[in-house]
Amino acid sequence: MAKKSMIEREKKRQKLVEKYAAKREALKEEFENAATQREKLEAHRKLQQLPRNSARNRVRNRCWVTGRPR
């Protein structure tokens, strides 16, 4: 069985992903549609200001019974 702290950490990451999903998607769209290099850099800087754990790829799927990572 996984440590409780690891399970709670994953839950916290999942909440951050849900909280910042819309903002992150909007910034990615802004980055893709930027007309100038300066606009692109500004959008990228804003994206970097978001919490690291708000990125979807930071979340690890876990078994709902034991909490073991998949």
PDB file of N, CA and C in Angstrom:
ATOM      1  N   MET A   1       0.837  -1.179   0.000  1.00  0.00           N
ATOM      2  CA  MET A   1       0.000   0.000   0.000  1.00  0.00           C
ATOM      3  C   MET A   1       0.887   1.249   0.000  1.00  0.00           C
ATOM      4  N   ALA A   2       0.475   2.234  -0.762  1.00  0.00           N
ATOM      5  CA  ALA A   2       1.248   3.471  -0.866  1.00  0.00           C
ATOM      6  C   ALA A   2       1.125   4.289   0.414  1.00  0.00           C
ATOM      7  N   LYS A   3       2.141   5.110   0.653  1.00  0.00           N
ATOM      8  CA  LYS A   3       2.104   5.981   1.819  1.00  0.00           C
ATOM      9  C   LYS A   3       0.955   6.976   1.670  1.00  0.00           C
ATOM     10  N   LYS A   4       0.347   7.313   2.783  1.00  0.00           N
ATOM     11  CA  LYS A   4      -0.778   8.260   2.763  1.00  0.00           C
ATOM     12  C   LYS A   4      -0.336   9.615   2.212  1.00  0.00           C
ATOM     13  N   SER A   5       0.893  10.003   2.527  1.00  0.00           N
ATOM     14  CA  SER A   5       1.379  11.301   2.059  1.00  0.00           C
ATOM     15  C   SER A   5       1.466  11.348   0.534  1.00  0.00           C
ATOM     16  N   MET A   6       1.826  10.221  -0.087  1.00  0.00           N
ATOM     17  CA  MET A   6       1.910  10.184  -1.549  1.00  0.00           C
ATOM     18  C   MET A   6       0.523  10.283  -2.173  1.00  0.00           C
ATOM     19  N   ILE A   7      -0.427   9.600  -1.571  1.00  0.00           N
ATOM     20  CA  ILE A   7      -1.804   9.649  -2.071  1.00  0.00           C
ATOM     21  C   ILE A   7      -2.349  11.067  -1.954  1.00  0.00           C
ATOM     22  N   GLU A   8      -2.102  11.710  -0.812  1.00  0.00           N
ATOM     23  CA  GLU A   8      -2.579  13.077  -0.598  1.00  0.00           C
ATOM     24  C   GLU A   8      -1.890  14.055  -1.547  1.00  0.00           C
ATOM     25  N   ARG A   9      -0.623  13.836  -1.816  1.00  0.00           N
ATOM     26  CA  ARG A   9       0.108  14.694  -2.742  1.00  0.00           C
ATOM     27  C   ARG A   9      -0.501  14.611  -4.136  1.00  0.00           C
ATOM     28  N   GLU A  10      -0.866  13.407  -4.547  1.00  0.00           N
ATOM     29  CA  GLU A  10      -1.498  13.236  -5.859  1.00  0.00           C
ATOM     30  C   GLU A  10      -2.864  13.914  -5.905  1.00  0.00           C
ATOM     31  N   LYS A  11      -3.612  13.826  -4.816  1.00  0.00           N
ATOM     32  CA  LYS A  11      -4.917  14.498  -4.763  1.00  0.00           C
ATOM     33  C   LYS A  11      -4.741  16.006  -4.884  1.00  0.00           C
ATOM     34  N   LYS A  12      -3.726  16.536  -4.218  1.00  0.00           N
ATOM     35  CA  LYS A  12      -3.443  17.967  -4.274  1.00  0.00           C
ATOM     36  C   LYS A  12      -3.078  18.381  -5.698  1.00  0.00           C
ATOM     37  N   ARG A  13      -2.265  17.560  -6.369  1.00  0.00           N
ATOM     38  CA  ARG A  13      -1.900  17.850  -7.754  1.00  0.00           C
ATOM     39  C   ARG A  13      -3.132  17.849  -8.650  1.00  0.00           C
ATOM     40  N   GLN A  14      -4.018  16.873  -8.441  1.00  0.00           N
ATOM     41  CA  GLN A  14      -5.222  16.784  -9.261  1.00  0.00           C
ATOM     42  C   GLN A  14      -6.096  18.026  -9.086  1.00  0.00           C
ATOM     43  N   LYS A  15      -6.201  18.516  -7.855  1.00  0.00           N
ATOM     44  CA  LYS A  15      -6.984  19.733  -7.605  1.00  0.00           C
ATOM     45  C   LYS A  15      -6.363  20.931  -8.317  1.00  0.00           C
ATOM     46  N   LEU A  16      -5.034  21.028  -8.301  1.00  0.00           N
ATOM     47  CA  LEU A  16      -4.359  22.126  -8.991  1.00  0.00           C
ATOM     48  C   LEU A  16      -4.583  22.053 -10.496  1.00  0.00           C
ATOM     49  N   VAL A  17      -4.542  20.850 -11.041  1.00  0.00           N
ATOM     50  CA  VAL A  17      -4.779  20.677 -12.480  1.00  0.00           C
ATOM     51  C   VAL A  17      -6.173  21.178 -12.831  1.00  0.00           C
ATOM     52  N   GLU A  18      -7.163  20.795 -12.043  1.00  0.00           N
ATOM     53  CA  GLU A  18      -8.540  21.215 -12.309  1.00  0.00           C
ATOM     54  C   GLU A  18      -8.703  22.724 -12.147  1.00  0.00           C
ATOM     55  N   LYS A  19      -8.032  23.292 -11.157  1.00  0.00           N
ATOM     56  CA  LYS A  19      -8.153  24.725 -10.884  1.00  0.00           C
ATOM     57  C   LYS A  19      -7.581  25.570 -12.025  1.00  0.00           C
ATOM     58  N   TYR A  20      -6.438  25.172 -12.565  1.00  0.00           N
ATOM     59  CA  TYR A  20      -5.742  25.978 -13.564  1.00  0.00           C
ATOM     60  C   TYR A  20      -5.942  25.490 -14.994  1.00  0.00           C
ATOM     61  N   ALA A  21      -6.780  24.509 -15.219  1.00  0.00           N
ATOM     62  CA  ALA A  21      -6.934  23.932 -16.560  1.00  0.00           C
ATOM     63  C   ALA A  21      -7.364  24.973 -17.591  1.00  0.00           C
ATOM     64  N   ALA A  22      -8.379  25.757 -17.271  1.00  0.00           N
ATOM     65  CA  ALA A  22      -8.892  26.734 -18.231  1.00  0.00           C
ATOM     66  C   ALA A  22      -7.853  27.822 -18.516  1.00  0.00           C
ATOM     67  N   LYS A  23      -7.208  28.297 -17.472  1.00  0.00           N
ATOM     68  CA  LYS A  23      -6.202  29.352 -17.637  1.00  0.00           C
ATOM     69  C   LYS A  23      -5.019  28.840 -18.454  1.00  0.00           C
ATOM     70  N   ARG A  24      -4.586  27.623 -18.165  1.00  0.00           N
ATOM     71  CA  ARG A  24      -3.463  27.027 -18.889  1.00  0.00           C
ATOM     72  C   ARG A  24      -3.817  26.844 -20.368  1.00  0.00           C
ATOM     73  N   GLU A  25      -5.031  26.389 -20.635  1.00  0.00           N
ATOM     74  CA  GLU A  25      -5.470  26.186 -22.019  1.00  0.00           C
ATOM     75  C   GLU A  25      -5.536  27.519 -22.768  1.00  0.00           C
ATOM     76  N   ALA A  26      -6.030  28.563 -22.096  1.00  0.00           N
ATOM     77  CA  ALA A  26      -6.108  29.880 -22.729  1.00  0.00           C
ATOM     78  C   ALA A  26      -4.712  30.414 -23.052  1.00  0.00           C
ATOM     79  N   LEU A  27      -3.771  30.220 -22.145  1.00  0.00           N
ATOM     80  CA  LEU A  27      -2.405  30.687 -22.389  1.00  0.00           C
ATOM     81  C   LEU A  27      -1.741  29.898 -23.513  1.00  0.00           C
ATOM     82  N   LYS A  28      -2.020  28.610 -23.598  1.00  0.00           N
ATOM     83  CA  LYS A  28      -1.471  27.809 -24.695  1.00  0.00           C
ATOM     84  C   LYS A  28      -2.040  28.277 -26.033  1.00  0.00           C
ATOM     85  N   GLU A  29      -3.328  28.597 -26.036  1.00  0.00           N
ATOM     86  CA  GLU A  29      -3.973  29.094 -27.254  1.00  0.00           C
ATOM     87  C   GLU A  29      -3.368  30.442 -27.654  1.00  0.00           C
ATOM     88  N   GLU A  30      -3.159  31.300 -26.665  1.00  0.00           N
ATOM     89  CA  GLU A  30      -2.533  32.601 -26.908  1.00  0.00           C
ATOM     90  C   GLU A  30      -1.121  32.416 -27.477  1.00  0.00           C
ATOM     91  N   PHE A  31      -0.406  31.450 -26.955  1.00  0.00           N
ATOM     92  CA  PHE A  31       0.948  31.150 -27.424  1.00  0.00           C
ATOM     93  C   PHE A  31       0.930  30.701 -28.884  1.00  0.00           C
ATOM     94  N   GLU A  32      -0.005  29.833 -29.229  1.00  0.00           N
ATOM     95  CA  GLU A  32      -0.093  29.308 -30.600  1.00  0.00           C
ATOM     96  C   GLU A  32      -0.500  30.388 -31.599  1.00  0.00           C
ATOM     97  N   ASN A  33      -1.376  31.307 -31.179  1.00  0.00           N
ATOM     98  CA  ASN A  33      -1.916  32.310 -32.093  1.00  0.00           C
ATOM     99  C   ASN A  33      -1.178  33.643 -32.033  1.00  0.00           C
ATOM    100  N   ALA A  34      -0.046  33.691 -31.373  1.00  0.00           N
ATOM    101  CA  ALA A  34       0.705  34.939 -31.253  1.00  0.00           C
ATOM    102  C   ALA A  34       1.218  35.375 -32.624  1.00  0.00           C
ATOM    103  N   ALA A  35       1.058  36.673 -32.901  1.00  0.00           N
ATOM    104  CA  ALA A  35       1.474  37.201 -34.192  1.00  0.00           C
ATOM    105  C   ALA A  35       2.962  37.522 -34.217  1.00  0.00           C
ATOM    106  N   THR A  36       3.471  38.022 -33.116  1.00  0.00           N
ATOM    107  CA  THR A  36       4.880  38.406 -33.069  1.00  0.00           C
ATOM    108  C   THR A  36       5.639  37.536 -32.071  1.00  0.00           C
ATOM    109  N   GLN A  37       6.942  37.579 -32.198  1.00  0.00           N
ATOM    110  CA  GLN A  37       7.794  36.816 -31.283  1.00  0.00           C
ATOM    111  C   GLN A  37       7.657  37.343 -29.854  1.00  0.00           C
ATOM    112  N   ARG A  38       7.504  38.652 -29.708  1.00  0.00           N
ATOM    113  CA  ARG A  38       7.363  39.259 -28.382  1.00  0.00           C
ATOM    114  C   ARG A  38       6.092  38.763 -27.683  1.00  0.00           C
ATOM    115  N   GLU A  39       4.992  38.685 -28.430  1.00  0.00           N
ATOM    116  CA  GLU A  39       3.734  38.180 -27.857  1.00  0.00           C
ATOM    117  C   GLU A  39       3.889  36.722 -27.438  1.00  0.00           C
ATOM    118  N   LYS A  40       4.592  35.967 -28.245  1.00  0.00           N
ATOM    119  CA  LYS A  40       4.815  34.554 -27.950  1.00  0.00           C
ATOM    120  C   LYS A  40       5.644  34.394 -26.673  1.00  0.00           C
ATOM    121  N   LEU A  41       6.683  35.201 -26.535  1.00  0.00           N
ATOM    122  CA  LEU A  41       7.513  35.156 -25.334  1.00  0.00           C
ATOM    123  C   LEU A  41       6.722  35.555 -24.092  1.00  0.00           C
ATOM    124  N   GLU A  42       5.868  36.552 -24.235  1.00  0.00           N
ATOM    125  CA  GLU A  42       5.051  37.001 -23.101  1.00  0.00           C
ATOM    126  C   GLU A  42       4.066  35.910 -22.680  1.00  0.00           C
ATOM    127  N   ALA A  43       3.444  35.253 -23.645  1.00  0.00           N
ATOM    128  CA  ALA A  43       2.516  34.164 -23.329  1.00  0.00           C
ATOM    129  C   ALA A  43       3.258  33.010 -22.664  1.00  0.00           C
ATOM    130  N   HIS A  44       4.447  32.723 -23.129  1.00  0.00           N
ATOM    131  CA  HIS A  44       5.246  31.643 -22.545  1.00  0.00           C
ATOM    132  C   HIS A  44       5.661  31.989 -21.117  1.00  0.00           C
ATOM    133  N   ARG A  45       6.003  33.249 -20.880  1.00  0.00           N
ATOM    134  CA  ARG A  45       6.373  33.687 -19.535  1.00  0.00           C
ATOM    135  C   ARG A  45       5.193  33.539 -18.572  1.00  0.00           C
ATOM    136  N   LYS A  46       4.004  33.913 -19.035  1.00  0.00           N
ATOM    137  CA  LYS A  46       2.803  33.770 -18.200  1.00  0.00           C
ATOM    138  C   LYS A  46       2.529  32.298 -17.894  1.00  0.00           C
ATOM    139  N   LEU A  47       2.753  31.455 -18.875  1.00  0.00           N
ATOM    140  CA  LEU A  47       2.547  30.020 -18.684  1.00  0.00           C
ATOM    141  C   LEU A  47       3.525  29.466 -17.653  1.00  0.00           C
ATOM    142  N   GLN A  48       4.737  29.960 -17.665  1.00  0.00           N
ATOM    143  CA  GLN A  48       5.739  29.513 -16.704  1.00  0.00           C
ATOM    144  C   GLN A  48       5.436  29.990 -15.288  1.00  0.00           C
ATOM    145  N   GLN A  49       4.651  31.046 -15.150  1.00  0.00           N
ATOM    146  CA  GLN A  49       4.314  31.574 -13.827  1.00  0.00           C
ATOM    147  C   GLN A  49       3.298  30.696 -13.096  1.00  0.00           C
ATOM    148  N   LEU A  50       2.600  29.838 -13.827  1.00  0.00           N
ATOM    149  CA  LEU A  50       1.632  28.943 -13.193  1.00  0.00           C
ATOM    150  C   LEU A  50       2.371  27.908 -12.352  1.00  0.00           C
ATOM    151  N   PRO A  51       1.709  27.367 -11.338  1.00  0.00           N
ATOM    152  CA  PRO A  51       2.361  26.339 -10.512  1.00  0.00           C
ATOM    153  C   PRO A  51       2.774  25.133 -11.349  1.00  0.00           C
ATOM    154  N   ARG A  52       3.907  24.583 -11.028  1.00  0.00           N
ATOM    155  CA  ARG A  52       4.428  23.428 -11.764  1.00  0.00           C
ATOM    156  C   ARG A  52       3.462  22.249 -11.687  1.00  0.00           C
ATOM    157  N   ASN A  53       2.877  22.034 -10.529  1.00  0.00           N
ATOM    158  CA  ASN A  53       1.987  20.890 -10.346  1.00  0.00           C
ATOM    159  C   ASN A  53       0.615  21.085 -10.991  1.00  0.00           C
ATOM    160  N   SER A  54       0.389  22.210 -11.651  1.00  0.00           N
ATOM    161  CA  SER A  54      -0.888  22.405 -12.327  1.00  0.00           C
ATOM    162  C   SER A  54      -0.861  21.832 -13.747  1.00  0.00           C
ATOM    163  N   ALA A  55       0.273  21.283 -14.159  1.00  0.00           N
ATOM    164  CA  ALA A  55       0.380  20.649 -15.475  1.00  0.00           C
ATOM    165  C   ALA A  55      -0.186  19.227 -15.399  1.00  0.00           C
ATOM    166  N   ARG A  56      -0.940  18.835 -16.397  1.00  0.00           N
ATOM    167  CA  ARG A  56      -1.612  17.532 -16.405  1.00  0.00           C
ATOM    168  C   ARG A  56      -0.621  16.369 -16.341  1.00  0.00           C
ATOM    169  N   ASN A  57       0.539  16.516 -16.951  1.00  0.00           N
ATOM    170  CA  ASN A  57       1.481  15.396 -16.990  1.00  0.00           C
ATOM    171  C   ASN A  57       2.180  15.162 -15.651  1.00  0.00           C
ATOM    172  N   ARG A  58       1.946  15.993 -14.656  1.00  0.00           N
ATOM    173  CA  ARG A  58       2.529  15.781 -13.329  1.00  0.00           C
ATOM    174  C   ARG A  58       1.688  14.820 -12.486  1.00  0.00           C
ATOM    175  N   VAL A  59       0.456  14.554 -12.905  1.00  0.00           N
ATOM    176  CA  VAL A  59      -0.445  13.687 -12.145  1.00  0.00           C
ATOM    177  C   VAL A  59      -0.156  12.231 -12.490  1.00  0.00           C
ATOM    178  N   ARG A  60      -0.059  11.398 -11.462  1.00  0.00           N
ATOM    179  CA  ARG A  60       0.200   9.968 -11.645  1.00  0.00           C
ATOM    180  C   ARG A  60      -1.064   9.203 -11.293  1.00  0.00           C
ATOM    181  N   ASN A  61      -1.536   8.364 -12.204  1.00  0.00           N
ATOM    182  CA  ASN A  61      -2.704   7.535 -11.915  1.00  0.00           C
ATOM    183  C   ASN A  61      -2.350   6.517 -10.842  1.00  0.00           C
ATOM    184  N   ARG A  62      -3.272   6.302  -9.925  1.00  0.00           N
ATOM    185  CA  ARG A  62      -3.040   5.362  -8.831  1.00  0.00           C
ATOM    186  C   ARG A  62      -4.219   4.403  -8.710  1.00  0.00           C
ATOM    187  N   CYS A  63      -3.917   3.219  -8.183  1.00  0.00           N
ATOM    188  CA  CYS A  63      -4.943   2.221  -7.920  1.00  0.00           C
ATOM    189  C   CYS A  63      -5.883   2.777  -6.854  1.00  0.00           C
ATOM    190  N   TRP A  64      -7.185   2.649  -7.053  1.00  0.00           N
ATOM    191  CA  TRP A  64      -8.132   3.207  -6.087  1.00  0.00           C
ATOM    192  C   TRP A  64      -8.226   2.361  -4.825  1.00  0.00           C
ATOM    193  N   VAL A  65      -7.765   1.121  -4.867  1.00  0.00           N
ATOM    194  CA  VAL A  65      -7.813   0.253  -3.686  1.00  0.00           C
ATOM    195  C   VAL A  65      -6.554   0.424  -2.838  1.00  0.00           C
ATOM    196  N   THR A  66      -5.393   0.254  -3.462  1.00  0.00           N
ATOM    197  CA  THR A  66      -4.143   0.247  -2.704  1.00  0.00           C
ATOM    198  C   THR A  66      -3.374   1.555  -2.783  1.00  0.00           C
ATOM    199  N   GLY A  67      -3.648   2.375  -3.787  1.00  0.00           N
ATOM    200  CA  GLY A  67      -2.915   3.618  -3.953  1.00  0.00           C
ATOM    201  C   GLY A  67      -1.602   3.458  -4.685  1.00  0.00           C
ATOM    202  N   ARG A  68      -1.319   2.241  -5.159  1.00  0.00           N
ATOM    203  CA  ARG A  68      -0.064   2.017  -5.881  1.00  0.00           C
ATOM    204  C   ARG A  68      -0.088   2.739  -7.230  1.00  0.00           C
ATOM    205  N   PRO A  69       1.059   3.259  -7.669  1.00  0.00           N
ATOM    206  CA  PRO A  69       1.102   3.938  -8.963  1.00  0.00           C
ATOM    207  C   PRO A  69       0.960   2.943 -10.113  1.00  0.00           C
ATOM    208  N   ARG A  70       0.413   3.407 -11.215  1.00  0.00           N
ATOM    209  CA  ARG A  70       0.222   2.538 -12.376  1.00  0.00           C
ATOM    210  C   ARG A  70       1.306   2.763 -13.389  1.00  0.00           C
TER     211      ARG A  70
END
